[in-house]
Structure formats: C-alpha cells, structure tokens
C-alpha cells in the first residue's frame, strides 16, 4: 500500500472511530419515553453513587428502578407496563432497569433478594420500594403519589 492510500485509509478509520465515540457518548443520555438498562457505572452517574456515604439522588427528574432478571416470570410480566409508563410519563420521570444477575453488588445494596423490586425515587426525599409484580394501575398510582406528589 502506498503512502497516499495508507493516509486515506488512516483518515477513514479515524473518522469511523470518532463517529462511534460520538454515538456512544450520545447513547449515554437518557432517552425520554424509553426504559433504560443500567450497569453499575451508569447507575452511579444517573441515580446515586452507591460508593459514597449517604443518599443523594443525582437525577433531574424522579425515577423508577426495576431490579429484575431475564428468567423471572413476574419481571417479564411487568416489563410491558414499564415500557408503556415510560412513554406516558416521558417528560416527568425516568424508568431504569438493573439486571440482578449482571449487577449483583448493586442488587445487594438495595436488598434485591426478591424480584421484581421496584424502587420509586422522588427528586427530593427518600426512595420507596415495592416487591413483587404490581398491576399497571398500582405502578401508575405510585408514580402520581410518590414521584409526582399529585
């Protein structure tokens, strides 16, 4: 390969690399109207730094965190409810999911020994937890009363 072709190929690879980095950075933002799956690092950035002392919610809107597992029937049952509610309340709350099998330490921090475990985190104040598969209307009621204080 001549110097000219090598230079052209290098520029193309550089541009592809930059494009993928920009896409990854944009993908870090929380999309309104969708449920977002979080790993520990993202959780520490968007929800609460579990390695720090005390509780300080980091989000700009209230959120629900669903601790789930892919093999869990009740978790699969409420997943469509959460998808629907993420769209319905897209301008008011975030909905996150944490896979307890992939994020064991994070699940342990919240005592997610029984799943699904929904943590309702208001912008101000303490979170409230609910274990088990809640009907969609109960989740909606918790959004209104705990998160939005309506």
Protein backbone atom coordinates (compact mmCIF):
# COMPACT_ATOMS: atom_id res chain seq x y z
CA UNK A 1 0.00 0.00 0.00
CA UNK A 2 1.43 3.37 -1.00
CA UNK A 3 1.76 6.31 1.36
CA UNK A 4 -1.24 8.05 -0.25
CA UNK A 5 -3.55 5.03 0.21
CA UNK A 6 -2.28 4.48 3.73
CA UNK A 7 -3.02 8.12 4.57
CA UNK A 8 -6.55 7.86 3.10
CA UNK A 9 -7.25 4.64 4.98
CA UNK A 10 -5.98 6.21 8.22
CA UNK A 11 -8.31 9.19 7.79
CA UNK A 12 -11.28 6.89 7.16
CA UNK A 13 -10.51 4.81 10.27
CA UNK A 14 -10.09 7.98 12.32
CA UNK A 15 -13.45 9.32 11.15
CA UNK A 16 -15.16 5.99 11.84
CA UNK A 17 -13.65 5.93 15.32
CA UNK A 18 -14.80 9.48 16.07
CA UNK A 19 -18.29 8.72 14.78
CA UNK A 20 -18.59 5.66 17.03
CA UNK A 21 -17.33 7.65 20.03
CA UNK A 22 -19.87 10.38 19.39
CA UNK A 23 -22.64 7.79 19.06
CA UNK A 24 -21.59 6.15 22.33
CA UNK A 25 -21.49 9.50 24.12
CA UNK A 26 -24.94 10.39 22.78
CA UNK A 27 -26.21 6.96 23.80
CA UNK A 28 -25.28 7.78 27.44
CA UNK A 29 -28.05 10.37 27.63
CA UNK A 30 -31.41 9.21 28.90
CA UNK A 31 -33.96 8.95 26.14
CA UNK A 32 -37.36 10.26 27.16
CA UNK A 33 -40.07 7.69 26.72
CA UNK A 34 -37.88 4.59 26.91
CA UNK A 35 -36.81 2.23 29.66
CA UNK A 36 -33.04 2.28 30.03
CA UNK A 37 -30.93 -0.64 31.26
CA UNK A 38 -28.14 0.45 33.59
CA UNK A 39 -24.87 -1.07 34.67
CA UNK A 40 -23.16 -0.07 37.93
CA UNK A 41 -21.15 2.79 36.42
CA UNK A 42 -24.22 4.31 34.75
CA UNK A 43 -26.24 3.85 37.93
CA UNK A 44 -23.60 5.75 39.92
CA UNK A 45 -23.73 8.56 37.35
CA UNK A 46 -27.50 8.83 36.88
CA UNK A 47 -29.15 7.62 40.09
CA UNK A 48 -26.96 7.51 43.20
CA UNK A 49 -23.29 6.97 43.90
CA UNK A 50 -23.55 3.78 45.91
CA UNK A 51 -19.89 4.08 46.91
CA UNK A 52 -20.44 7.42 48.69
CA UNK A 53 -21.81 7.91 52.19
CA UNK A 54 -25.45 8.90 52.49
CA UNK A 55 -28.22 9.15 49.96
CA UNK A 56 -28.22 11.81 47.26
CA UNK A 57 -30.33 11.29 44.16
CA UNK A 58 -28.47 12.58 41.10
CA UNK A 59 -31.28 12.77 38.54
CA UNK A 60 -33.10 15.84 37.29
CA UNK A 61 -36.48 14.01 37.29
CA UNK A 62 -37.87 11.33 39.63
CA UNK A 63 -37.28 7.74 38.58
CA UNK A 64 -38.26 4.14 38.99
CA UNK A 65 -35.55 1.49 39.16
CA UNK A 66 -36.68 -2.04 38.33
CA UNK A 67 -34.38 -4.74 39.68
CA UNK A 68 -35.15 -7.78 37.52
CA UNK A 69 -33.81 -10.97 35.97
CA UNK A 70 -34.36 -12.29 32.47
CA UNK A 71 -35.52 -15.67 33.83
CA UNK A 72 -38.09 -14.12 36.22
CA UNK A 73 -41.71 -14.58 35.08
CA UNK A 74 -43.18 -11.73 37.19
CA UNK A 75 -40.36 -9.45 35.94
CA UNK A 76 -41.27 -10.25 32.35
CA UNK A 77 -44.93 -9.66 33.19
CA UNK A 78 -44.43 -6.05 34.36
CA UNK A 79 -41.88 -5.13 31.69
CA UNK A 80 -44.53 -4.05 29.12
CA UNK A 81 -46.21 -1.92 31.83
CA UNK A 82 -42.95 -0.11 32.44
CA UNK A 83 -42.44 0.42 28.70
CA UNK A 84 -45.95 1.93 28.44
CA UNK A 85 -45.45 4.14 31.51
CA UNK A 86 -42.08 5.36 30.23
CA UNK A 87 -43.87 6.66 27.14
CA UNK A 88 -46.83 8.07 29.07
CA UNK A 89 -44.67 9.93 31.62
CA UNK A 90 -41.71 10.65 29.30
CA UNK A 91 -41.46 14.32 30.32
CA UNK A 92 -41.89 13.68 34.06
CA UNK A 93 -39.91 10.59 35.12
CA UNK A 94 -37.17 8.16 34.09
CA UNK A 95 -37.54 4.40 34.24
CA UNK A 96 -34.41 2.31 34.62
CA UNK A 97 -33.79 -1.44 34.80
CA UNK A 98 -30.96 -3.26 36.55
CA UNK A 99 -30.31 -6.95 35.84
CA UNK A 100 -29.63 -8.56 39.23
CA UNK A 101 -27.58 -11.36 37.64
CA UNK A 102 -25.22 -8.90 35.95
CA UNK A 103 -25.11 -6.34 38.79
CA UNK A 104 -25.02 -8.47 41.95
CA UNK A 105 -23.35 -5.82 44.14
CA UNK A 106 -25.87 -3.18 43.12
CA UNK A 107 -28.74 -5.58 43.76
CA UNK A 108 -27.26 -6.35 47.18
CA UNK A 109 -27.00 -2.65 48.02
CA UNK A 110 -30.79 -2.38 47.59
CA UNK A 111 -31.57 -5.77 49.12
CA UNK A 112 -32.99 -7.11 45.87
CA UNK A 113 -33.31 -10.67 47.15
CA UNK A 114 -36.88 -10.97 45.86
CA UNK A 115 -37.67 -9.69 42.38
CA UNK A 116 -39.09 -7.76 40.74
CA UNK A 117 -38.12 -4.99 43.11
CA UNK A 118 -39.30 -1.53 42.11
CA UNK A 119 -37.61 1.44 43.77
CA UNK A 120 -39.56 4.69 43.43
CA UNK A 121 -37.09 7.57 43.80
CA UNK A 122 -38.53 11.08 44.12
CA UNK A 123 -36.42 14.08 43.20
CA UNK A 124 -36.35 15.08 46.88
CA UNK A 125 -36.76 12.71 49.82
CA UNK A 126 -36.29 9.03 50.44
CA UNK A 127 -36.98 6.23 47.97
CA UNK A 128 -39.78 3.74 48.50
CA UNK A 129 -39.62 0.11 47.47
CA UNK A 130 -42.23 -2.39 46.35
CA UNK A 131 -41.55 -6.09 45.92
CA UNK A 132 -43.39 -8.32 43.50
CA UNK A 133 -45.29 -7.78 40.28
CA UNK A 134 -47.58 -4.81 40.70
CA UNK A 135 -50.52 -4.22 38.39
CA UNK A 136 -50.01 -1.35 35.97
CA UNK A 137 -52.56 0.83 37.80
CA UNK A 138 -50.70 0.44 41.11
CA UNK A 139 -47.43 1.46 39.49
CA UNK A 140 -49.21 4.42 37.93
CA UNK A 141 -50.67 5.37 41.32
CA UNK A 142 -47.19 5.22 42.90
CA UNK A 143 -45.86 7.46 40.12
CA UNK A 144 -48.55 10.03 40.91
CA UNK A 145 -48.34 9.90 44.70
CA UNK A 146 -44.68 9.09 45.44
CA UNK A 147 -42.82 10.55 42.47
CA UNK A 148 -45.00 13.40 41.26
CA UNK A 149 -46.77 14.06 44.58
CA UNK A 150 -50.15 14.66 42.91
